[in-house]
Amino acid sequence: MTKLSFEKFVFLDFEASGLGPQSWPIELGASWITSDLKVGMGTSVTAR
C-alpha cells in the first residue's frame, strides 16, 4: 500500500453567489495541511 503525503496537496474552492450577471461576490479559497496542521485561506472578490 502506498502512503500519501497530504502536505503535497492543495485544495482549491471557487464559489459564486449565483449565475446571473449581478451575482457578486465570488469566494476563492485554498486549503492545505502542513506538518504543524495549519490550514488555508479564503477571500471574496467583489465588483467595483
PDB file of N, CA and C in Angstrom:
ATOM      1  N   MET A   1       0.840  -1.181   0.000  1.00  0.00           N
ATOM      2  CA  MET A   1       0.000   0.000   0.000  1.00  0.00           C
ATOM      3  C   MET A   1       0.889   1.249   0.000  1.00  0.00           C
ATOM      4  N   THR A   2       0.539   2.208  -0.819  1.00  0.00           N
ATOM      5  CA  THR A   2       1.313   3.450  -0.932  1.00  0.00           C
ATOM      6  C   THR A   2       0.789   4.485   0.056  1.00  0.00           C
ATOM      7  N   LYS A   3       1.711   5.108   0.786  1.00  0.00           N
ATOM      8  CA  LYS A   3       1.321   6.198   1.695  1.00  0.00           C
ATOM      9  C   LYS A   3       1.318   7.508   0.930  1.00  0.00           C
ATOM     10  N   LEU A   4       0.297   8.309   1.156  1.00  0.00           N
ATOM     11  CA  LEU A   4       0.216   9.634   0.549  1.00  0.00           C
ATOM     12  C   LEU A   4       0.617  10.690   1.563  1.00  0.00           C
ATOM     13  N   SER A   5       1.401  11.640   1.120  1.00  0.00           N
ATOM     14  CA  SER A   5       1.757  12.773   1.967  1.00  0.00           C
ATOM     15  C   SER A   5       0.791  13.916   1.660  1.00  0.00           C
ATOM     16  N   PHE A   6      -0.082  14.225   2.607  1.00  0.00           N
ATOM     17  CA  PHE A   6      -1.068  15.275   2.384  1.00  0.00           C
ATOM     18  C   PHE A   6      -0.442  16.665   2.316  1.00  0.00           C
ATOM     19  N   GLU A   7       0.816  16.785   2.683  1.00  0.00           N
ATOM     20  CA  GLU A   7       1.497  18.079   2.576  1.00  0.00           C
ATOM     21  C   GLU A   7       1.757  18.452   1.121  1.00  0.00           C
ATOM     22  N   LYS A   8       1.551  17.538   0.201  1.00  0.00           N
ATOM     23  CA  LYS A   8       1.802  17.806  -1.218  1.00  0.00           C
ATOM     24  C   LYS A   8       0.537  18.224  -1.967  1.00  0.00           C
ATOM     25  N   PHE A   9      -0.595  18.335  -1.280  1.00  0.00           N
ATOM     26  CA  PHE A   9      -1.852  18.652  -1.929  1.00  0.00           C
ATOM     27  C   PHE A   9      -2.358  20.031  -1.525  1.00  0.00           C
ATOM     28  N   VAL A  10      -2.974  20.719  -2.470  1.00  0.00           N
ATOM     29  CA  VAL A  10      -3.676  21.975  -2.210  1.00  0.00           C
ATOM     30  C   VAL A  10      -5.084  21.802  -2.768  1.00  0.00           C
ATOM     31  N   PHE A  11      -6.077  22.154  -1.976  1.00  0.00           N
ATOM     32  CA  PHE A  11      -7.465  22.057  -2.389  1.00  0.00           C
ATOM     33  C   PHE A  11      -7.971  23.465  -2.693  1.00  0.00           C
ATOM     34  N   LEU A  12      -8.493  23.661  -3.906  1.00  0.00           N
ATOM     35  CA  LEU A  12      -8.993  24.967  -4.328  1.00  0.00           C
ATOM     36  C   LEU A  12     -10.513  24.940  -4.351  1.00  0.00           C
ATOM     37  N   ASP A  13     -11.130  26.053  -3.959  1.00  0.00           N
ATOM     38  CA  ASP A  13     -12.580  26.164  -3.910  1.00  0.00           C
ATOM     39  C   ASP A  13     -12.983  27.490  -4.530  1.00  0.00           C
ATOM     40  N   PHE A  14     -13.855  27.446  -5.528  1.00  0.00           N
ATOM     41  CA  PHE A  14     -14.379  28.642  -6.183  1.00  0.00           C
ATOM     42  C   PHE A  14     -15.893  28.595  -6.058  1.00  0.00           C
ATOM     43  N   GLU A  15     -16.482  29.636  -5.505  1.00  0.00           N
ATOM     44  CA  GLU A  15     -17.932  29.675  -5.322  1.00  0.00           C
ATOM     45  C   GLU A  15     -18.486  31.026  -5.761  1.00  0.00           C
ATOM     46  N   ALA A  16     -19.638  30.983  -6.411  1.00  0.00           N
ATOM     47  CA  ALA A  16     -20.344  32.205  -6.805  1.00  0.00           C
ATOM     48  C   ALA A  16     -21.681  32.239  -6.084  1.00  0.00           C
ATOM     49  N   SER A  17     -22.164  33.435  -5.813  1.00  0.00           N
ATOM     50  CA  SER A  17     -23.441  33.562  -5.121  1.00  0.00           C
ATOM     51  C   SER A  17     -24.616  33.269  -6.046  1.00  0.00           C
ATOM     52  N   GLY A  18     -24.393  33.219  -7.339  1.00  0.00           N
ATOM     53  CA  GLY A  18     -25.432  32.927  -8.319  1.00  0.00           C
ATOM     54  C   GLY A  18     -24.845  32.888  -9.716  1.00  0.00           C
ATOM     55  N   LEU A  19     -25.688  32.639 -10.701  1.00  0.00           N
ATOM     56  CA  LEU A  19     -25.214  32.543 -12.073  1.00  0.00           C
ATOM     57  C   LEU A  19     -25.561  33.766 -12.920  1.00  0.00           C
ATOM     58  N   GLY A  20     -26.288  34.718 -12.364  1.00  0.00           N
ATOM     59  CA  GLY A  20     -26.692  35.910 -13.108  1.00  0.00           C
ATOM     60  C   GLY A  20     -25.570  36.928 -13.222  1.00  0.00           C
ATOM     61  N   PRO A  21     -25.719  37.917 -14.109  1.00  0.00           N
ATOM     62  CA  PRO A  21     -24.676  38.926 -14.308  1.00  0.00           C
ATOM     63  C   PRO A  21     -24.451  39.812 -13.073  1.00  0.00           C
ATOM     64  N   GLN A  22     -25.409  39.899 -12.167  1.00  0.00           N
ATOM     65  CA  GLN A  22     -25.267  40.713 -10.958  1.00  0.00           C
ATOM     66  C   GLN A  22     -24.868  39.870  -9.739  1.00  0.00           C
ATOM     67  N   SER A  23     -24.403  38.671  -9.959  1.00  0.00           N
ATOM     68  CA  SER A  23     -24.067  37.751  -8.861  1.00  0.00           C
ATOM     69  C   SER A  23     -22.677  38.032  -8.307  1.00  0.00           C
ATOM     70  N   TRP A  24     -22.636  38.732  -7.196  1.00  0.00           N
ATOM     71  CA  TRP A  24     -21.375  39.031  -6.516  1.00  0.00           C
ATOM     72  C   TRP A  24     -21.590  38.839  -5.041  1.00  0.00           C
ATOM     73  N   PRO A  25     -20.659  38.574  -4.208  1.00  0.00           N
ATOM     74  CA  PRO A  25     -19.247  38.363  -4.514  1.00  0.00           C
ATOM     75  C   PRO A  25     -18.958  36.923  -4.929  1.00  0.00           C
ATOM     76  N   ILE A  26     -17.757  36.717  -5.391  1.00  0.00           N
ATOM     77  CA  ILE A  26     -17.246  35.382  -5.681  1.00  0.00           C
ATOM     78  C   ILE A  26     -16.255  35.056  -4.567  1.00  0.00           C
ATOM     79  N   GLU A  27     -16.351  33.867  -4.016  1.00  0.00           N
ATOM     80  CA  GLU A  27     -15.441  33.460  -2.947  1.00  0.00           C
ATOM     81  C   GLU A  27     -14.372  32.534  -3.509  1.00  0.00           C
ATOM     82  N   LEU A  28     -13.125  32.800  -3.142  1.00  0.00           N
ATOM     83  CA  LEU A  28     -11.998  31.971  -3.534  1.00  0.00           C
ATOM     84  C   LEU A  28     -11.364  31.411  -2.266  1.00  0.00           C
ATOM     85  N   GLY A  29     -11.056  30.144  -2.282  1.00  0.00           N
ATOM     86  CA  GLY A  29     -10.437  29.538  -1.107  1.00  0.00           C
ATOM     87  C   GLY A  29      -9.351  28.559  -1.495  1.00  0.00           C
ATOM     88  N   ALA A  30      -8.393  28.400  -0.620  1.00  0.00           N
ATOM     89  CA  ALA A  30      -7.336  27.406  -0.797  1.00  0.00           C
ATOM     90  C   ALA A  30      -7.037  26.812   0.573  1.00  0.00           C
ATOM     91  N   SER A  31      -6.885  25.507   0.608  1.00  0.00           N
ATOM     92  CA  SER A  31      -6.584  24.831   1.871  1.00  0.00           C
ATOM     93  C   SER A  31      -5.442  23.853   1.658  1.00  0.00           C
ATOM     94  N   TRP A  32      -4.620  23.724   2.668  1.00  0.00           N
ATOM     95  CA  TRP A  32      -3.535  22.757   2.638  1.00  0.00           C
ATOM     96  C   TRP A  32      -3.206  22.366   4.066  1.00  0.00           C
ATOM     97  N   ILE A  33      -2.541  21.265   4.228  1.00  0.00           N
ATOM     98  CA  ILE A  33      -2.158  20.774   5.545  1.00  0.00           C
ATOM     99  C   ILE A  33      -0.639  20.799   5.622  1.00  0.00           C
ATOM    100  N   THR A  34      -0.123  21.404   6.661  1.00  0.00           N
ATOM    101  CA  THR A  34       1.322  21.437   6.880  1.00  0.00           C
ATOM    102  C   THR A  34       1.675  20.508   8.039  1.00  0.00           C
ATOM    103  N   SER A  35       2.937  20.360   8.292  1.00  0.00           N
ATOM    104  CA  SER A  35       3.372  19.463   9.362  1.00  0.00           C
ATOM    105  C   SER A  35       2.869  19.898  10.735  1.00  0.00           C
ATOM    106  N   ASP A  36       2.606  21.181  10.926  1.00  0.00           N
ATOM    107  CA  ASP A  36       2.055  21.641  12.209  1.00  0.00           C
ATOM    108  C   ASP A  36       0.551  21.920  12.114  1.00  0.00           C
ATOM    109  N   LEU A  37      -0.109  21.283  11.120  1.00  0.00           N
ATOM    110  CA  LEU A  37      -1.564  21.280  10.956  1.00  0.00           C
ATOM    111  C   LEU A  37      -2.189  22.647  10.696  1.00  0.00           C
ATOM    112  N   LYS A  38      -1.454  23.552  10.082  1.00  0.00           N
ATOM    113  CA  LYS A  38      -2.040  24.830   9.660  1.00  0.00           C
ATOM    114  C   LYS A  38      -2.798  24.610   8.354  1.00  0.00           C
ATOM    115  N   VAL A  39      -3.895  25.305   8.220  1.00  0.00           N
ATOM    116  CA  VAL A  39      -4.694  25.154   7.013  1.00  0.00           C
ATOM    117  C   VAL A  39      -5.098  26.494   6.435  1.00  0.00           C
ATOM    118  N   GLY A  40      -5.084  26.605   5.142  1.00  0.00           N
ATOM    119  CA  GLY A  40      -5.540  27.551   4.178  1.00  0.00           C
ATOM    120  C   GLY A  40      -6.016  28.958   4.470  1.00  0.00           C
ATOM    121  N   MET A  41      -6.614  29.506   3.438  1.00  0.00           N
ATOM    122  CA  MET A  41      -7.070  30.887   3.425  1.00  0.00           C
ATOM    123  C   MET A  41      -8.273  31.011   2.510  1.00  0.00           C
ATOM    124  N   GLY A  42      -8.978  32.115   2.621  1.00  0.00           N
ATOM    125  CA  GLY A  42     -10.110  32.389   1.749  1.00  0.00           C
ATOM    126  C   GLY A  42     -10.306  33.888   1.622  1.00  0.00           C
ATOM    127  N   THR A  43     -10.922  34.303   0.521  1.00  0.00           N
ATOM    128  CA  THR A  43     -11.177  35.712   0.306  1.00  0.00           C
ATOM    129  C   THR A  43     -12.368  35.881  -0.631  1.00  0.00           C
ATOM    130  N   SER A  44     -12.967  37.041  -0.632  1.00  0.00           N
ATOM    131  CA  SER A  44     -14.081  37.338  -1.531  1.00  0.00           C
ATOM    132  C   SER A  44     -13.640  38.370  -2.566  1.00  0.00           C
ATOM    133  N   VAL A  45     -14.149  38.219  -3.774  1.00  0.00           N
ATOM    134  CA  VAL A  45     -13.871  39.156  -4.854  1.00  0.00           C
ATOM    135  C   VAL A  45     -15.182  39.840  -5.191  1.00  0.00           C
ATOM    136  N   THR A  46     -15.201  41.173  -5.172  1.00  0.00           N
ATOM    137  CA  THR A  46     -16.416  41.922  -5.476  1.00  0.00           C
ATOM    138  C   THR A  46     -16.180  42.857  -6.665  1.00  0.00           C
ATOM    139  N   ALA A  47     -17.258  43.191  -7.337  1.00  0.00           N
ATOM    140  CA  ALA A  47     -17.180  44.105  -8.475  1.00  0.00           C
ATOM    141  C   ALA A  47     -17.012  45.536  -7.981  1.00  0.00           C
ATOM    142  N   ARG A  48     -16.373  46.347  -8.779  1.00  0.00           N
ATOM    143  CA  ARG A  48     -16.213  47.766  -8.434  1.00  0.00           C
ATOM    144  C   ARG A  48     -16.953  48.605  -9.430  1.00  0.00           C
TER     145      ARG A  48
END
